[in-house]
Amino acid sequence: MIGPETGGRSLEIAKNNQRLFETIGVINVLLPASPELRRLTKRIYRLKVTKVETAKPGLKGADLEAWRADAYQRASQFVEQEYDKPIEKLLNYLGRQIDQGER
């Protein structure tokens, strides 16, 4: 069962993803089509979603803190790999396109 806190986070993630995908759509409409743009935007459209983990019942003290640190580390790595890097690559591409347009 999803509690109010988890459900709220899921809704926020869904809204953020919607805004991201709408922005990608605008980029695809405004920029000239190219194989590189298609590859970069396709990668973002295929973003993976991670399951929000919850601690096992009964974890306390140092065990709970160790679980939290490990879960945080895994989530951070997931976000970097699945969101940060693909978006950064697209932004770099957009920057190059803007620079070329100014010449």
C-alpha atoms as a PDB file:
ATOM      1  CA  MET A   1       0.000   0.000   0.000  1.00  0.00           C
ATOM      2  CA  ILE A   2       1.215   3.475  -0.807  1.00  0.00           C
ATOM      3  CA  GLY A   3       1.053   5.883   2.068  1.00  0.00           C
ATOM      4  CA  PRO A   4       0.317   9.584   1.660  1.00  0.00           C
ATOM      5  CA  GLU A   5       3.994  10.490   1.786  1.00  0.00           C
ATOM      6  CA  THR A   6       5.027   7.964  -0.883  1.00  0.00           C
ATOM      7  CA  GLY A   7       1.974   8.723  -3.008  1.00  0.00           C
ATOM      8  CA  GLY A   8       2.768  12.426  -2.871  1.00  0.00           C
ATOM      9  CA  ARG A   9       6.319  11.788  -4.029  1.00  0.00           C
ATOM     10  CA  SER A  10       5.079   9.556  -6.836  1.00  0.00           C
ATOM     11  CA  LEU A  11       2.696  12.265  -8.008  1.00  0.00           C
ATOM     12  CA  GLU A  12       5.470  14.856  -7.889  1.00  0.00           C
ATOM     13  CA  ILE A  13       7.771  12.586  -9.907  1.00  0.00           C
ATOM     14  CA  ALA A  14       5.016  12.004 -12.469  1.00  0.00           C
ATOM     15  CA  LYS A  15       4.405  15.755 -12.839  1.00  0.00           C
ATOM     16  CA  ASN A  16       8.129  16.443 -13.218  1.00  0.00           C
ATOM     17  CA  ASN A  17       8.420  13.707 -15.851  1.00  0.00           C
ATOM     18  CA  GLN A  18       5.445  15.180 -17.705  1.00  0.00           C
ATOM     19  CA  ARG A  19       7.114  18.611 -17.792  1.00  0.00           C
ATOM     20  CA  LEU A  20      10.385  17.032 -18.918  1.00  0.00           C
ATOM     21  CA  PHE A  21       8.720  15.122 -21.761  1.00  0.00           C
ATOM     22  CA  GLU A  22       6.756  18.205 -22.845  1.00  0.00           C
ATOM     23  CA  THR A  23      10.017  20.170 -22.965  1.00  0.00           C
ATOM     24  CA  ILE A  24      11.649  17.421 -25.043  1.00  0.00           C
ATOM     25  CA  GLY A  25       8.684  17.625 -27.424  1.00  0.00           C
ATOM     26  CA  VAL A  26       9.143  21.379 -27.802  1.00  0.00           C
ATOM     27  CA  ILE A  27      12.868  20.879 -28.471  1.00  0.00           C
ATOM     28  CA  ASN A  28      12.052  18.327 -31.186  1.00  0.00           C
ATOM     29  CA  VAL A  29       9.621  20.748 -32.826  1.00  0.00           C
ATOM     30  CA  LEU A  30      11.862  23.815 -32.697  1.00  0.00           C
ATOM     31  CA  LEU A  31      15.213  22.338 -33.724  1.00  0.00           C
ATOM     32  CA  PRO A  32      16.085  20.833 -37.080  1.00  0.00           C
ATOM     33  CA  ALA A  33      15.868  17.056 -37.037  1.00  0.00           C
ATOM     34  CA  SER A  34      19.177  15.245 -36.824  1.00  0.00           C
ATOM     35  CA  PRO A  35      20.294  11.738 -35.914  1.00  0.00           C
ATOM     36  CA  GLU A  36      22.104  13.094 -32.820  1.00  0.00           C
ATOM     37  CA  LEU A  37      19.066  14.994 -31.554  1.00  0.00           C
ATOM     38  CA  ARG A  38      16.881  11.955 -32.145  1.00  0.00           C
ATOM     39  CA  ARG A  39      19.339   9.723 -30.222  1.00  0.00           C
ATOM     40  CA  LEU A  40      19.615  12.134 -27.289  1.00  0.00           C
ATOM     41  CA  THR A  41      15.882  12.716 -26.927  1.00  0.00           C
ATOM     42  CA  LYS A  42      15.066   9.028 -27.415  1.00  0.00           C
ATOM     43  CA  ARG A  43      17.382   8.206 -24.489  1.00  0.00           C
ATOM     44  CA  ILE A  44      15.473  10.603 -22.246  1.00  0.00           C
ATOM     45  CA  TYR A  45      12.092   9.264 -23.351  1.00  0.00           C
ATOM     46  CA  ARG A  46      13.281   5.839 -22.181  1.00  0.00           C
ATOM     47  CA  LEU A  47      14.231   6.927 -18.665  1.00  0.00           C
ATOM     48  CA  LYS A  48      13.934   4.174 -16.127  1.00  0.00           C
ATOM     49  CA  VAL A  49      11.967   4.645 -12.937  1.00  0.00           C
ATOM     50  CA  THR A  50      13.266   3.258  -9.693  1.00  0.00           C
ATOM     51  CA  LYS A  51      11.192   1.736  -6.956  1.00  0.00           C
ATOM     52  CA  VAL A  52      11.095   3.784  -3.777  1.00  0.00           C
ATOM     53  CA  GLU A  53      12.573   1.558  -1.115  1.00  0.00           C
ATOM     54  CA  THR A  54      11.355   1.295   2.442  1.00  0.00           C
ATOM     55  CA  ALA A  55      13.359  -0.014   5.351  1.00  0.00           C
ATOM     56  CA  LYS A  56      12.672  -3.504   6.608  1.00  0.00           C
ATOM     57  CA  PRO A  57      10.488  -3.501   9.706  1.00  0.00           C
ATOM     58  CA  GLY A  58      12.459  -3.710  12.896  1.00  0.00           C
ATOM     59  CA  LEU A  59      15.651  -1.991  11.714  1.00  0.00           C
ATOM     60  CA  LYS A  60      16.943   0.338  14.396  1.00  0.00           C
ATOM     61  CA  GLY A  61      19.943   2.423  15.280  1.00  0.00           C
ATOM     62  CA  ALA A  62      23.133   1.670  13.372  1.00  0.00           C
ATOM     63  CA  ASP A  63      21.436  -0.933  11.169  1.00  0.00           C
ATOM     64  CA  LEU A  64      18.793   1.563  10.084  1.00  0.00           C
ATOM     65  CA  GLU A  65      21.433   4.233   9.447  1.00  0.00           C
ATOM     66  CA  ALA A  66      23.526   1.781   7.378  1.00  0.00           C
ATOM     67  CA  TRP A  67      20.431   0.856   5.343  1.00  0.00           C
ATOM     68  CA  ARG A  68      19.598   4.543   4.823  1.00  0.00           C
ATOM     69  CA  ALA A  69      23.126   5.383   3.670  1.00  0.00           C
ATOM     70  CA  ASP A  70      23.178   2.442   1.261  1.00  0.00           C
ATOM     71  CA  ALA A  71      19.713   3.254  -0.128  1.00  0.00           C
ATOM     72  CA  TYR A  72      20.712   6.901  -0.585  1.00  0.00           C
ATOM     73  CA  GLN A  73      23.914   5.912  -2.400  1.00  0.00           C
ATOM     74  CA  ARG A  74      22.050   3.561  -4.766  1.00  0.00           C
ATOM     75  CA  ALA A  75      19.367   6.191  -5.455  1.00  0.00           C
ATOM     76  CA  SER A  76      21.997   8.869  -6.135  1.00  0.00           C
ATOM     77  CA  GLN A  77      23.828   6.612  -8.582  1.00  0.00           C
ATOM     78  CA  PHE A  78      20.549   5.741 -10.306  1.00  0.00           C
ATOM     79  CA  VAL A  79      19.548   9.396 -10.697  1.00  0.00           C
ATOM     80  CA  GLU A  80      22.978  10.351 -12.031  1.00  0.00           C
ATOM     81  CA  GLN A  81      23.021   7.524 -14.576  1.00  0.00           C
ATOM     82  CA  GLU A  82      19.390   7.632 -15.687  1.00  0.00           C
ATOM     83  CA  TYR A  83      18.583  11.346 -15.448  1.00  0.00           C
ATOM     84  CA  ASP A  84      21.583  13.633 -14.968  1.00  0.00           C
ATOM     85  CA  LYS A  85      23.897  12.253 -17.666  1.00  0.00           C
ATOM     86  CA  PRO A  86      21.323  11.980 -20.486  1.00  0.00           C
ATOM     87  CA  ILE A  87      19.917  15.435 -19.741  1.00  0.00           C
ATOM     88  CA  GLU A  88      23.410  16.929 -19.525  1.00  0.00           C
ATOM     89  CA  LYS A  89      24.298  15.425 -22.914  1.00  0.00           C
ATOM     90  CA  LEU A  90      21.151  16.942 -24.432  1.00  0.00           C
ATOM     91  CA  LEU A  91      21.900  20.337 -22.876  1.00  0.00           C
ATOM     92  CA  ASN A  92      25.444  20.241 -24.262  1.00  0.00           C
ATOM     93  CA  TYR A  93      24.011  19.483 -27.712  1.00  0.00           C
ATOM     94  CA  LEU A  94      21.539  22.359 -27.406  1.00  0.00           C
ATOM     95  CA  GLY A  95      24.360  24.695 -26.369  1.00  0.00           C
ATOM     96  CA  ARG A  96      26.355  23.725 -29.456  1.00  0.00           C
ATOM     97  CA  GLN A  97      23.310  24.320 -31.654  1.00  0.00           C
ATOM     98  CA  ILE A  98      22.759  27.754 -30.142  1.00  0.00           C
ATOM     99  CA  ASP A  99      26.441  28.632 -30.589  1.00  0.00           C
ATOM    100  CA  GLN A 100      26.300  27.588 -34.258  1.00  0.00           C
ATOM    101  CA  GLY A 101      23.198  29.711 -34.775  1.00  0.00           C
ATOM    102  CA  GLU A 102      24.967  32.800 -33.415  1.00  0.00           C
ATOM    103  CA  ARG A 103      27.810  32.568 -35.928  1.00  0.00           C
END
